[in-house]
Amino acid sequence: MINSLIISLILTVAIELFISIVIGIRKKNDIITIIAVNTLTNPIVVFIAGIINTFRIILLYWTIVIIMEFIVIFIEGKIYEKILKFKRISGFKLSFVNNVISFIIGLIIAIL
């Protein structure tokens, strides 16, 4: 489980950082914030999803994962709104775009 936590965190940070840079985020403190926020939220979601997955109830698993993703989007959005200097898009939109894209890429990787 530790390996999946580490791999998921590295991939999530890489994907969301790349997306953020493409969007236009360049300031060092904003980049550090994105890395820190993902370092706080990603392991929690992956850990809880891993525990739920042990029950092998697909509907329960996906329901909880989707709920957690919405919670993470909200929490990250709030943090980005308060901390990021980048204001071209709202912190909530940034969080939504980053999380949706990284989630989809994660699904594709898991399927392959």
PDB file of N, CA and C in Angstrom:
ATOM      1  N   MET A   1       0.824  -1.204   0.000  1.00  0.00           N
ATOM      2  CA  MET A   1       0.000   0.000   0.000  1.00  0.00           C
ATOM      3  C   MET A   1       0.863   1.262   0.000  1.00  0.00           C
ATOM      4  N   ILE A   2       2.007   1.207   0.669  1.00  0.00           N
ATOM      5  CA  ILE A   2       2.898   2.366   0.712  1.00  0.00           C
ATOM      6  C   ILE A   2       3.354   2.732  -0.707  1.00  0.00           C
ATOM      7  N   ASN A   3       3.685   1.716  -1.501  1.00  0.00           N
ATOM      8  CA  ASN A   3       4.123   1.977  -2.875  1.00  0.00           C
ATOM      9  C   ASN A   3       3.039   2.682  -3.680  1.00  0.00           C
ATOM     10  N   SER A   4       1.794   2.233  -3.541  1.00  0.00           N
ATOM     11  CA  SER A   4       0.723   2.873  -4.300  1.00  0.00           C
ATOM     12  C   SER A   4       0.488   4.305  -3.823  1.00  0.00           C
ATOM     13  N   LEU A   5       0.659   4.557  -2.535  1.00  0.00           N
ATOM     14  CA  LEU A   5       0.536   5.924  -2.014  1.00  0.00           C
ATOM     15  C   LEU A   5       1.600   6.830  -2.623  1.00  0.00           C
ATOM     16  N   ILE A   6       2.832   6.354  -2.658  1.00  0.00           N
ATOM     17  CA  ILE A   6       3.946   7.147  -3.174  1.00  0.00           C
ATOM     18  C   ILE A   6       3.791   7.372  -4.679  1.00  0.00           C
ATOM     19  N   ILE A   7       3.483   6.308  -5.415  1.00  0.00           N
ATOM     20  CA  ILE A   7       3.327   6.430  -6.865  1.00  0.00           C
ATOM     21  C   ILE A   7       2.173   7.368  -7.209  1.00  0.00           C
ATOM     22  N   SER A   8       1.064   7.213  -6.512  1.00  0.00           N
ATOM     23  CA  SER A   8      -0.091   8.068  -6.756  1.00  0.00           C
ATOM     24  C   SER A   8       0.243   9.528  -6.470  1.00  0.00           C
ATOM     25  N   LEU A   9       0.934   9.780  -5.386  1.00  0.00           N
ATOM     26  CA  LEU A   9       1.291  11.152  -5.034  1.00  0.00           C
ATOM     27  C   LEU A   9       2.219  11.758  -6.087  1.00  0.00           C
ATOM     28  N   ILE A  10       3.229  11.026  -6.489  1.00  0.00           N
ATOM     29  CA  ILE A  10       4.178  11.535  -7.494  1.00  0.00           C
ATOM     30  C   ILE A  10       3.456  11.836  -8.808  1.00  0.00           C
ATOM     31  N   LEU A  11       2.630  10.904  -9.252  1.00  0.00           N
ATOM     32  CA  LEU A  11       1.898  11.116 -10.511  1.00  0.00           C
ATOM     33  C   LEU A  11       0.920  12.286 -10.404  1.00  0.00           C
ATOM     34  N   THR A  12       0.207  12.364  -9.301  1.00  0.00           N
ATOM     35  CA  THR A  12      -0.761  13.446  -9.114  1.00  0.00           C
ATOM     36  C   THR A  12      -0.072  14.800  -9.097  1.00  0.00           C
ATOM     37  N   VAL A  13       1.006  14.903  -8.339  1.00  0.00           N
ATOM     38  CA  VAL A  13       1.732  16.175  -8.279  1.00  0.00           C
ATOM     39  C   VAL A  13       2.269  16.540  -9.667  1.00  0.00           C
ATOM     40  N   ALA A  14       2.841  15.570 -10.357  1.00  0.00           N
ATOM     41  CA  ALA A  14       3.396  15.839 -11.691  1.00  0.00           C
ATOM     42  C   ALA A  14       2.305  16.306 -12.659  1.00  0.00           C
ATOM     43  N   ILE A  15       1.188  15.601 -12.681  1.00  0.00           N
ATOM     44  CA  ILE A  15       0.095  15.948 -13.592  1.00  0.00           C
ATOM     45  C   ILE A  15      -0.490  17.313 -13.253  1.00  0.00           C
ATOM     46  N   GLU A  16      -0.822  17.531 -11.985  1.00  0.00           N
ATOM     47  CA  GLU A  16      -1.467  18.781 -11.603  1.00  0.00           C
ATOM     48  C   GLU A  16      -0.520  19.968 -11.705  1.00  0.00           C
ATOM     49  N   LEU A  17       0.753  19.746 -11.460  1.00  0.00           N
ATOM     50  CA  LEU A  17       1.734  20.814 -11.622  1.00  0.00           C
ATOM     51  C   LEU A  17       1.875  21.171 -13.110  1.00  0.00           C
ATOM     52  N   PHE A  18       1.933  20.152 -13.944  1.00  0.00           N
ATOM     53  CA  PHE A  18       2.025  20.389 -15.391  1.00  0.00           C
ATOM     54  C   PHE A  18       0.819  21.194 -15.878  1.00  0.00           C
ATOM     55  N   ILE A  19      -0.378  20.782 -15.487  1.00  0.00           N
ATOM     56  CA  ILE A  19      -1.599  21.484 -15.890  1.00  0.00           C
ATOM     57  C   ILE A  19      -1.567  22.931 -15.398  1.00  0.00           C
ATOM     58  N   SER A  20      -1.159  23.122 -14.160  1.00  0.00           N
ATOM     59  CA  SER A  20      -1.109  24.461 -13.579  1.00  0.00           C
ATOM     60  C   SER A  20      -0.129  25.354 -14.325  1.00  0.00           C
ATOM     61  N   ILE A  21       1.004  24.794 -14.706  1.00  0.00           N
ATOM     62  CA  ILE A  21       1.999  25.571 -15.462  1.00  0.00           C
ATOM     63  C   ILE A  21       1.460  25.908 -16.846  1.00  0.00           C
ATOM     64  N   VAL A  22       0.784  24.947 -17.483  1.00  0.00           N
ATOM     65  CA  VAL A  22       0.177  25.210 -18.793  1.00  0.00           C
ATOM     66  C   VAL A  22      -0.858  26.326 -18.673  1.00  0.00           C
ATOM     67  N   ILE A  23      -1.610  26.331 -17.596  1.00  0.00           N
ATOM     68  CA  ILE A  23      -2.625  27.366 -17.376  1.00  0.00           C
ATOM     69  C   ILE A  23      -1.974  28.736 -17.183  1.00  0.00           C
ATOM     70  N   GLY A  24      -0.738  28.744 -16.695  1.00  0.00           N
ATOM     71  CA  GLY A  24      -0.035  30.026 -16.551  1.00  0.00           C
ATOM     72  C   GLY A  24       0.585  30.284 -15.190  1.00  0.00           C
ATOM     73  N   ILE A  25       0.472  29.334 -14.291  1.00  0.00           N
ATOM     74  CA  ILE A  25       1.044  29.517 -12.959  1.00  0.00           C
ATOM     75  C   ILE A  25       2.562  29.363 -13.067  1.00  0.00           C
ATOM     76  N   ARG A  26       3.276  30.398 -12.615  1.00  0.00           N
ATOM     77  CA  ARG A  26       4.731  30.393 -12.743  1.00  0.00           C
ATOM     78  C   ARG A  26       5.454  30.783 -11.452  1.00  0.00           C
ATOM     79  N   LYS A  27       4.769  31.486 -10.546  1.00  0.00           N
ATOM     80  CA  LYS A  27       5.433  31.969  -9.336  1.00  0.00           C
ATOM     81  C   LYS A  27       5.810  30.812  -8.428  1.00  0.00           C
ATOM     82  N   LYS A  28       6.999  30.911  -7.884  1.00  0.00           N
ATOM     83  CA  LYS A  28       7.555  29.846  -7.047  1.00  0.00           C
ATOM     84  C   LYS A  28       6.622  29.485  -5.887  1.00  0.00           C
ATOM     85  N   ASN A  29       6.090  30.481  -5.194  1.00  0.00           N
ATOM     86  CA  ASN A  29       5.212  30.199  -4.046  1.00  0.00           C
ATOM     87  C   ASN A  29       3.914  29.520  -4.462  1.00  0.00           C
ATOM     88  N   ASP A  30       3.396  29.868  -5.634  1.00  0.00           N
ATOM     89  CA  ASP A  30       2.180  29.208  -6.134  1.00  0.00           C
ATOM     90  C   ASP A  30       2.469  27.745  -6.458  1.00  0.00           C
ATOM     91  N   ILE A  31       3.606  27.485  -7.070  1.00  0.00           N
ATOM     92  CA  ILE A  31       3.992  26.108  -7.393  1.00  0.00           C
ATOM     93  C   ILE A  31       4.189  25.293  -6.114  1.00  0.00           C
ATOM     94  N   ILE A  32       4.843  25.898  -5.125  1.00  0.00           N
ATOM     95  CA  ILE A  32       5.032  25.216  -3.836  1.00  0.00           C
ATOM     96  C   ILE A  32       3.680  24.927  -3.191  1.00  0.00           C
ATOM     97  N   THR A  33       2.754  25.860  -3.287  1.00  0.00           N
ATOM     98  CA  THR A  33       1.417  25.666  -2.715  1.00  0.00           C
ATOM     99  C   THR A  33       0.718  24.483  -3.374  1.00  0.00           C
ATOM    100  N   ILE A  34       0.785  24.398  -4.682  1.00  0.00           N
ATOM    101  CA  ILE A  34       0.139  23.290  -5.402  1.00  0.00           C
ATOM    102  C   ILE A  34       0.737  21.953  -4.968  1.00  0.00           C
ATOM    103  N   ILE A  35       2.056  21.902  -4.846  1.00  0.00           N
ATOM    104  CA  ILE A  35       2.717  20.674  -4.394  1.00  0.00           C
ATOM    105  C   ILE A  35       2.293  20.340  -2.966  1.00  0.00           C
ATOM    106  N   ALA A  36       2.294  21.327  -2.082  1.00  0.00           N
ATOM    107  CA  ALA A  36       1.944  21.096  -0.676  1.00  0.00           C
ATOM    108  C   ALA A  36       0.497  20.637  -0.518  1.00  0.00           C
ATOM    109  N   VAL A  37      -0.406  21.290  -1.222  1.00  0.00           N
ATOM    110  CA  VAL A  37      -1.833  20.939  -1.125  1.00  0.00           C
ATOM    111  C   VAL A  37      -2.056  19.500  -1.577  1.00  0.00           C
ATOM    112  N   ASN A  38      -1.438  19.118  -2.687  1.00  0.00           N
ATOM    113  CA  ASN A  38      -1.579  17.742  -3.167  1.00  0.00           C
ATOM    114  C   ASN A  38      -0.917  16.740  -2.232  1.00  0.00           C
ATOM    115  N   THR A  39       0.162  17.140  -1.609  1.00  0.00           N
ATOM    116  CA  THR A  39       0.839  16.264  -0.650  1.00  0.00           C
ATOM    117  C   THR A  39      -0.038  16.026   0.576  1.00  0.00           C
ATOM    118  N   LEU A  40      -0.875  16.975   0.890  1.00  0.00           N
ATOM    119  CA  LEU A  40      -1.788  16.814   2.023  1.00  0.00           C
ATOM    120  C   LEU A  40      -3.037  16.012   1.658  1.00  0.00           C
ATOM    121  N   THR A  41      -3.604  16.257   0.489  1.00  0.00           N
ATOM    122  CA  THR A  41      -4.896  15.638   0.164  1.00  0.00           C
ATOM    123  C   THR A  41      -4.790  14.268  -0.495  1.00  0.00           C
ATOM    124  N   ASN A  42      -3.844  14.095  -1.402  1.00  0.00           N
ATOM    125  CA  ASN A  42      -3.773  12.855  -2.167  1.00  0.00           C
ATOM    126  C   ASN A  42      -3.583  11.604  -1.313  1.00  0.00           C
ATOM    127  N   PRO A  43      -2.623  11.579  -0.387  1.00  0.00           N
ATOM    128  CA  PRO A  43      -2.439  10.341   0.397  1.00  0.00           C
ATOM    129  C   PRO A  43      -3.681   9.940   1.205  1.00  0.00           C
ATOM    130  N   ILE A  44      -4.417  10.924   1.679  1.00  0.00           N
ATOM    131  CA  ILE A  44      -5.623  10.623   2.454  1.00  0.00           C
ATOM    132  C   ILE A  44      -6.661   9.926   1.567  1.00  0.00           C
ATOM    133  N   VAL A  45      -6.884  10.481   0.379  1.00  0.00           N
ATOM    134  CA  VAL A  45      -7.862   9.907  -0.542  1.00  0.00           C
ATOM    135  C   VAL A  45      -7.435   8.505  -0.978  1.00  0.00           C
ATOM    136  N   VAL A  46      -6.175   8.342  -1.335  1.00  0.00           N
ATOM    137  CA  VAL A  46      -5.681   7.039  -1.799  1.00  0.00           C
ATOM    138  C   VAL A  46      -5.755   6.004  -0.675  1.00  0.00           C
ATOM    139  N   PHE A  47      -5.428   6.413   0.539  1.00  0.00           N
ATOM    140  CA  PHE A  47      -5.477   5.498   1.682  1.00  0.00           C
ATOM    141  C   PHE A  47      -6.907   5.038   1.959  1.00  0.00           C
ATOM    142  N   ILE A  48      -7.832   5.997   2.028  1.00  0.00           N
ATOM    143  CA  ILE A  48      -9.233   5.647   2.290  1.00  0.00           C
ATOM    144  C   ILE A  48      -9.792   4.778   1.152  1.00  0.00           C
ATOM    145  N   ALA A  49      -9.477   5.145  -0.095  1.00  0.00           N
ATOM    146  CA  ALA A  49      -9.944   4.347  -1.239  1.00  0.00           C
ATOM    147  C   ALA A  49      -9.389   2.928  -1.169  1.00  0.00           C
ATOM    148  N   GLY A  50      -8.141   2.800  -0.750  1.00  0.00           N
ATOM    149  CA  GLY A  50      -7.537   1.471  -0.615  1.00  0.00           C
ATOM    150  C   GLY A  50      -8.240   0.623   0.427  1.00  0.00           C
ATOM    151  N   ILE A  51      -8.599   1.240   1.537  1.00  0.00           N
ATOM    152  CA  ILE A  51      -9.319   0.513   2.588  1.00  0.00           C
ATOM    153  C   ILE A  51     -10.703   0.104   2.092  1.00  0.00           C
ATOM    154  N   ILE A  52     -11.425   1.026   1.469  1.00  0.00           N
ATOM    155  CA  ILE A  52     -12.765   0.734   0.953  1.00  0.00           C
ATOM    156  C   ILE A  52     -12.702  -0.360  -0.111  1.00  0.00           C
ATOM    157  N   ASN A  53     -11.656  -0.356  -0.917  1.00  0.00           N
ATOM    158  CA  ASN A  53     -11.511  -1.340  -1.988  1.00  0.00           C
ATOM    159  C   ASN A  53     -11.364  -2.763  -1.447  1.00  0.00           C
ATOM    160  N   THR A  54     -10.892  -2.910  -0.213  1.00  0.00           N
ATOM    161  CA  THR A  54     -10.740  -4.258   0.365  1.00  0.00           C
ATOM    162  C   THR A  54     -12.084  -4.948   0.563  1.00  0.00           C
ATOM    163  N   PHE A  55     -13.173  -4.171   0.634  1.00  0.00           N
ATOM    164  CA  PHE A  55     -14.499  -4.763   0.787  1.00  0.00           C
ATOM    165  C   PHE A  55     -15.023  -5.357  -0.519  1.00  0.00           C
ATOM    166  N   ARG A  56     -14.408  -4.974  -1.634  1.00  0.00           N
ATOM    167  CA  ARG A  56     -14.767  -5.485  -2.958  1.00  0.00           C
ATOM    168  C   ARG A  56     -16.233  -5.233  -3.322  1.00  0.00           C
ATOM    169  N   ILE A  57     -16.738  -4.077  -2.874  1.00  0.00           N
ATOM    170  CA  ILE A  57     -18.100  -3.664  -3.236  1.00  0.00           C
ATOM    171  C   ILE A  57     -17.945  -2.469  -4.172  1.00  0.00           C
ATOM    172  N   ILE A  58     -18.091  -2.712  -5.463  1.00  0.00           N
ATOM    173  CA  ILE A  58     -17.773  -1.710  -6.478  1.00  0.00           C
ATOM    174  C   ILE A  58     -18.586  -0.430  -6.302  1.00  0.00           C
ATOM    175  N   LEU A  59     -19.883  -0.558  -6.067  1.00  0.00           N
ATOM    176  CA  LEU A  59     -20.730   0.628  -5.913  1.00  0.00           C
ATOM    177  C   LEU A  59     -20.300   1.465  -4.708  1.00  0.00           C
ATOM    178  N   LEU A  60     -20.015   0.815  -3.602  1.00  0.00           N
ATOM    179  CA  LEU A  60     -19.542   1.521  -2.405  1.00  0.00           C
ATOM    180  C   LEU A  60     -18.231   2.233  -2.697  1.00  0.00           C
ATOM    181  N   TYR A  61     -17.308   1.524  -3.327  1.00  0.00           N
ATOM    182  CA  TYR A  61     -15.996   2.083  -3.646  1.00  0.00           C
ATOM    183  C   TYR A  61     -16.131   3.349  -4.489  1.00  0.00           C
ATOM    184  N   TRP A  62     -16.849   3.259  -5.608  1.00  0.00           N
ATOM    185  CA  TRP A  62     -16.948   4.405  -6.508  1.00  0.00           C
ATOM    186  C   TRP A  62     -17.746   5.552  -5.905  1.00  0.00           C
ATOM    187  N   THR A  63     -18.749   5.236  -5.108  1.00  0.00           N
ATOM    188  CA  THR A  63     -19.511   6.293  -4.436  1.00  0.00           C
ATOM    189  C   THR A  63     -18.608   7.080  -3.503  1.00  0.00           C
ATOM    190  N   ILE A  64     -17.831   6.388  -2.702  1.00  0.00           N
ATOM    191  CA  ILE A  64     -16.944   7.060  -1.759  1.00  0.00           C
ATOM    192  C   ILE A  64     -15.833   7.809  -2.490  1.00  0.00           C
ATOM    193  N   VAL A  65     -15.274   7.218  -3.532  1.00  0.00           N
ATOM    194  CA  VAL A  65     -14.217   7.896  -4.297  1.00  0.00           C
ATOM    195  C   VAL A  65     -14.743   9.197  -4.906  1.00  0.00           C
ATOM    196  N   ILE A  66     -15.917   9.158  -5.503  1.00  0.00           N
ATOM    197  CA  ILE A  66     -16.493  10.370  -6.115  1.00  0.00           C
ATOM    198  C   ILE A  66     -16.773  11.431  -5.052  1.00  0.00           C
ATOM    199  N   ILE A  67     -17.324  11.018  -3.920  1.00  0.00           N
ATOM    200  CA  ILE A  67     -17.588  11.969  -2.829  1.00  0.00           C
ATOM    201  C   ILE A  67     -16.279  12.581  -2.348  1.00  0.00           C
ATOM    202  N   MET A  68     -15.246  11.751  -2.166  1.00  0.00           N
ATOM    203  CA  MET A  68     -13.945  12.269  -1.717  1.00  0.00           C
ATOM    204  C   MET A  68     -13.362  13.244  -2.735  1.00  0.00           C
ATOM    205  N   GLU A  69     -13.506  12.941  -4.019  1.00  0.00           N
ATOM    206  CA  GLU A  69     -12.980  13.845  -5.053  1.00  0.00           C
ATOM    207  C   GLU A  69     -13.659  15.211  -4.978  1.00  0.00           C
ATOM    208  N   PHE A  70     -14.974  15.233  -4.780  1.00  0.00           N
ATOM    209  CA  PHE A  70     -15.677  16.514  -4.650  1.00  0.00           C
ATOM    210  C   PHE A  70     -15.216  17.268  -3.403  1.00  0.00           C
ATOM    211  N   ILE A  71     -15.022  16.552  -2.312  1.00  0.00           N
ATOM    212  CA  ILE A  71     -14.534  17.184  -1.088  1.00  0.00           C
ATOM    213  C   ILE A  71     -13.133  17.770  -1.313  1.00  0.00           C
ATOM    214  N   VAL A  72     -12.274  17.006  -1.977  1.00  0.00           N
ATOM    215  CA  VAL A  72     -10.913  17.470  -2.260  1.00  0.00           C
ATOM    216  C   VAL A  72     -10.957  18.704  -3.167  1.00  0.00           C
ATOM    217  N   ILE A  73     -11.790  18.688  -4.192  1.00  0.00           N
ATOM    218  CA  ILE A  73     -11.905  19.845  -5.081  1.00  0.00           C
ATOM    219  C   ILE A  73     -12.304  21.078  -4.270  1.00  0.00           C
ATOM    220  N   PHE A  74     -13.246  20.922  -3.370  1.00  0.00           N
ATOM    221  CA  PHE A  74     -13.694  22.043  -2.545  1.00  0.00           C
ATOM    222  C   PHE A  74     -12.571  22.532  -1.623  1.00  0.00           C
ATOM    223  N   ILE A  75     -11.933  21.611  -0.911  1.00  0.00           N
ATOM    224  CA  ILE A  75     -10.872  21.987   0.033  1.00  0.00           C
ATOM    225  C   ILE A  75      -9.702  22.644  -0.696  1.00  0.00           C
ATOM    226  N   GLU A  76      -9.242  22.008  -1.777  1.00  0.00           N
ATOM    227  CA  GLU A  76      -8.130  22.585  -2.533  1.00  0.00           C
ATOM    228  C   GLU A  76      -8.527  23.940  -3.113  1.00  0.00           C
ATOM    229  N   GLY A  77      -9.745  24.043  -3.607  1.00  0.00           N
ATOM    230  CA  GLY A  77     -10.219  25.309  -4.161  1.00  0.00           C
ATOM    231  C   GLY A  77     -10.190  26.425  -3.136  1.00  0.00           C
ATOM    232  N   LYS A  78     -10.646  26.129  -1.925  1.00  0.00           N
ATOM    233  CA  LYS A  78     -10.625  27.123  -0.836  1.00  0.00           C
ATOM    234  C   LYS A  78      -9.191  27.556  -0.537  1.00  0.00           C
ATOM    235  N   ILE A  79      -8.304  26.582  -0.449  1.00  0.00           N
ATOM    236  CA  ILE A  79      -6.901  26.900  -0.154  1.00  0.00           C
ATOM    237  C   ILE A  79      -6.306  27.740  -1.288  1.00  0.00           C
ATOM    238  N   TYR A  80      -6.539  27.331  -2.529  1.00  0.00           N
ATOM    239  CA  TYR A  80      -6.012  28.080  -3.666  1.00  0.00           C
ATOM    240  C   TYR A  80      -6.569  29.495  -3.710  1.00  0.00           C
ATOM    241  N   GLU A  81      -7.848  29.657  -3.401  1.00  0.00           N
ATOM    242  CA  GLU A  81      -8.454  30.996  -3.381  1.00  0.00           C
ATOM    243  C   GLU A  81      -7.754  31.906  -2.378  1.00  0.00           C
ATOM    244  N   LYS A  82      -7.390  31.355  -1.247  1.00  0.00           N
ATOM    245  CA  LYS A  82      -6.789  32.161  -0.189  1.00  0.00           C
ATOM    246  C   LYS A  82      -5.296  32.396  -0.380  1.00  0.00           C
ATOM    247  N   ILE A  83      -4.587  31.433  -0.942  1.00  0.00           N
ATOM    248  CA  ILE A  83      -3.122  31.491  -0.941  1.00  0.00           C
ATOM    249  C   ILE A  83      -2.509  31.873  -2.287  1.00  0.00           C
ATOM    250  N   LEU A  84      -3.036  31.325  -3.383  1.00  0.00           N
ATOM    251  CA  LEU A  84      -2.388  31.558  -4.675  1.00  0.00           C
ATOM    252  C   LEU A  84      -2.437  33.032  -5.072  1.00  0.00           C
ATOM    253  N   LYS A  85      -1.343  33.506  -5.621  1.00  0.00           N
ATOM    254  CA  LYS A  85      -1.283  34.864  -6.169  1.00  0.00           C
ATOM    255  C   LYS A  85      -1.867  34.886  -7.580  1.00  0.00           C
ATOM    256  N   PHE A  86      -1.884  33.740  -8.235  1.00  0.00           N
ATOM    257  CA  PHE A  86      -2.412  33.602  -9.589  1.00  0.00           C
ATOM    258  C   PHE A  86      -3.925  33.787  -9.530  1.00  0.00           C
ATOM    259  N   LYS A  87      -4.435  34.764 -10.256  1.00  0.00           N
ATOM    260  CA  LYS A  87      -5.872  35.062 -10.183  1.00  0.00           C
ATOM    261  C   LYS A  87      -6.567  35.027 -11.546  1.00  0.00           C
ATOM    262  N   ARG A  88      -5.884  34.497 -12.587  1.00  0.00           N
ATOM    263  CA  ARG A  88      -6.487  34.457 -13.918  1.00  0.00           C
ATOM    264  C   ARG A  88      -7.738  33.583 -13.926  1.00  0.00           C
ATOM    265  N   ILE A  89      -7.725  32.481 -13.160  1.00  0.00           N
ATOM    266  CA  ILE A  89      -8.941  31.687 -12.947  1.00  0.00           C
ATOM    267  C   ILE A  89      -9.083  31.481 -11.442  1.00  0.00           C
ATOM    268  N   SER A  90     -10.279  31.160 -11.020  1.00  0.00           N
ATOM    269  CA  SER A  90     -10.505  30.979  -9.581  1.00  0.00           C
ATOM    270  C   SER A  90      -9.798  29.718  -9.084  1.00  0.00           C
ATOM    271  N   GLY A  91      -9.517  29.703  -7.800  1.00  0.00           N
ATOM    272  CA  GLY A  91      -8.912  28.530  -7.187  1.00  0.00           C
ATOM    273  C   GLY A  91      -9.784  27.298  -7.333  1.00  0.00           C
ATOM    274  N   PHE A  92     -11.102  27.499  -7.334  1.00  0.00           N
ATOM    275  CA  PHE A  92     -12.022  26.372  -7.481  1.00  0.00           C
ATOM    276  C   PHE A  92     -11.961  25.794  -8.894  1.00  0.00           C
ATOM    277  N   LYS A  93     -11.878  26.660  -9.886  1.00  0.00           N
ATOM    278  CA  LYS A  93     -11.756  26.167 -11.262  1.00  0.00           C
ATOM    279  C   LYS A  93     -10.432  25.444 -11.453  1.00  0.00           C
ATOM    280  N   LEU A  94      -9.370  26.002 -10.902  1.00  0.00           N
ATOM    281  CA  LEU A  94      -8.061  25.352 -10.995  1.00  0.00           C
ATOM    282  C   LEU A  94      -8.101  23.982 -10.344  1.00  0.00           C
ATOM    283  N   SER A  95      -8.668  23.907  -9.158  1.00  0.00           N
ATOM    284  CA  SER A  95      -8.778  22.640  -8.452  1.00  0.00           C
ATOM    285  C   SER A  95      -9.625  21.645  -9.247  1.00  0.00           C
ATOM    286  N   PHE A  96     -10.742  22.111  -9.792  1.00  0.00           N
ATOM    287  CA  PHE A  96     -11.622  21.239 -10.564  1.00  0.00           C
ATOM    288  C   PHE A  96     -10.899  20.671 -11.785  1.00  0.00           C
ATOM    289  N   VAL A  97     -10.283  21.552 -12.570  1.00  0.00           N
ATOM    290  CA  VAL A  97      -9.584  21.118 -13.788  1.00  0.00           C
ATOM    291  C   VAL A  97      -8.458  20.147 -13.435  1.00  0.00           C
ATOM    292  N   ASN A  98      -7.629  20.518 -12.460  1.00  0.00           N
ATOM    293  CA  ASN A  98      -6.511  19.652 -12.068  1.00  0.00           C
ATOM    294  C   ASN A  98      -6.988  18.280 -11.613  1.00  0.00           C
ATOM    295  N   ASN A  99      -7.997  18.263 -10.764  1.00  0.00           N
ATOM    296  CA  ASN A  99      -8.452  16.992 -10.208  1.00  0.00           C
ATOM    297  C   ASN A  99      -9.174  16.118 -11.223  1.00  0.00           C
ATOM    298  N   VAL A 100      -9.970  16.716 -12.074  1.00  0.00           N
ATOM    299  CA  VAL A 100     -10.670  15.926 -13.086  1.00  0.00           C
ATOM    300  C   VAL A 100      -9.664  15.300 -14.050  1.00  0.00           C
ATOM    301  N   ILE A 101      -8.713  16.096 -14.520  1.00  0.00           N
ATOM    302  CA  ILE A 101      -7.732  15.563 -15.472  1.00  0.00           C
ATOM    303  C   ILE A 101      -6.851  14.508 -14.813  1.00  0.00           C
ATOM    304  N   SER A 102      -6.374  14.773 -13.598  1.00  0.00           N
ATOM    305  CA  SER A 102      -5.511  13.772 -12.947  1.00  0.00           C
ATOM    306  C   SER A 102      -6.302  12.505 -12.609  1.00  0.00           C
ATOM    307  N   PHE A 103      -7.584  12.651 -12.272  1.00  0.00           N
ATOM    308  CA  PHE A 103      -8.430  11.494 -11.997  1.00  0.00           C
ATOM    309  C   PHE A 103      -8.595  10.639 -13.258  1.00  0.00           C
ATOM    310  N   ILE A 104      -8.883  11.290 -14.376  1.00  0.00           N
ATOM    311  CA  ILE A 104      -9.059  10.566 -15.645  1.00  0.00           C
ATOM    312  C   ILE A 104      -7.767   9.880 -16.054  1.00  0.00           C
ATOM    313  N   ILE A 105      -6.645  10.571 -15.939  1.00  0.00           N
ATOM    314  CA  ILE A 105      -5.359   9.959 -16.281  1.00  0.00           C
ATOM    315  C   ILE A 105      -5.084   8.780 -15.353  1.00  0.00           C
ATOM    316  N   GLY A 106      -5.397   8.927 -14.067  1.00  0.00           N
ATOM    317  CA  GLY A 106      -5.235   7.823 -13.115  1.00  0.00           C
ATOM    318  C   GLY A 106      -6.077   6.621 -13.494  1.00  0.00           C
ATOM    319  N   LEU A 107      -7.313   6.866 -13.921  1.00  0.00           N
ATOM    320  CA  LEU A 107      -8.179   5.768 -14.376  1.00  0.00           C
ATOM    321  C   LEU A 107      -7.581   5.064 -15.592  1.00  0.00           C
ATOM    322  N   ILE A 108      -7.101   5.845 -16.525  1.00  0.00           N
ATOM    323  CA  ILE A 108      -6.494   5.259 -17.735  1.00  0.00           C
ATOM    324  C   ILE A 108      -5.282   4.410 -17.361  1.00  0.00           C
ATOM    325  N   ILE A 109      -4.445   4.912 -16.478  1.00  0.00           N
ATOM    326  CA  ILE A 109      -3.271   4.152 -16.040  1.00  0.00           C
ATOM    327  C   ILE A 109      -3.700   2.865 -15.336  1.00  0.00           C
ATOM    328  N   ALA A 110      -4.722   2.949 -14.489  1.00  0.00           N
ATOM    329  CA  ALA A 110      -5.192   1.763 -13.772  1.00  0.00           C
ATOM    330  C   ALA A 110      -5.752   0.713 -14.716  1.00  0.00           C
ATOM    331  N   ILE A 111      -6.439   1.155 -15.757  1.00  0.00           N
ATOM    332  CA  ILE A 111      -7.028   0.241 -16.731  1.00  0.00           C
ATOM    333  C   ILE A 111      -5.939  -0.446 -17.547  1.00  0.00           C
ATOM    334  N   LEU A 112      -4.915   0.321 -17.913  1.00  0.00           N
ATOM    335  CA  LEU A 112      -3.823  -0.237 -18.720  1.00  0.00           C
ATOM    336  C   LEU A 112      -2.950  -1.115 -17.852  1.00  0.00           C
TER     337      LEU A 112
END
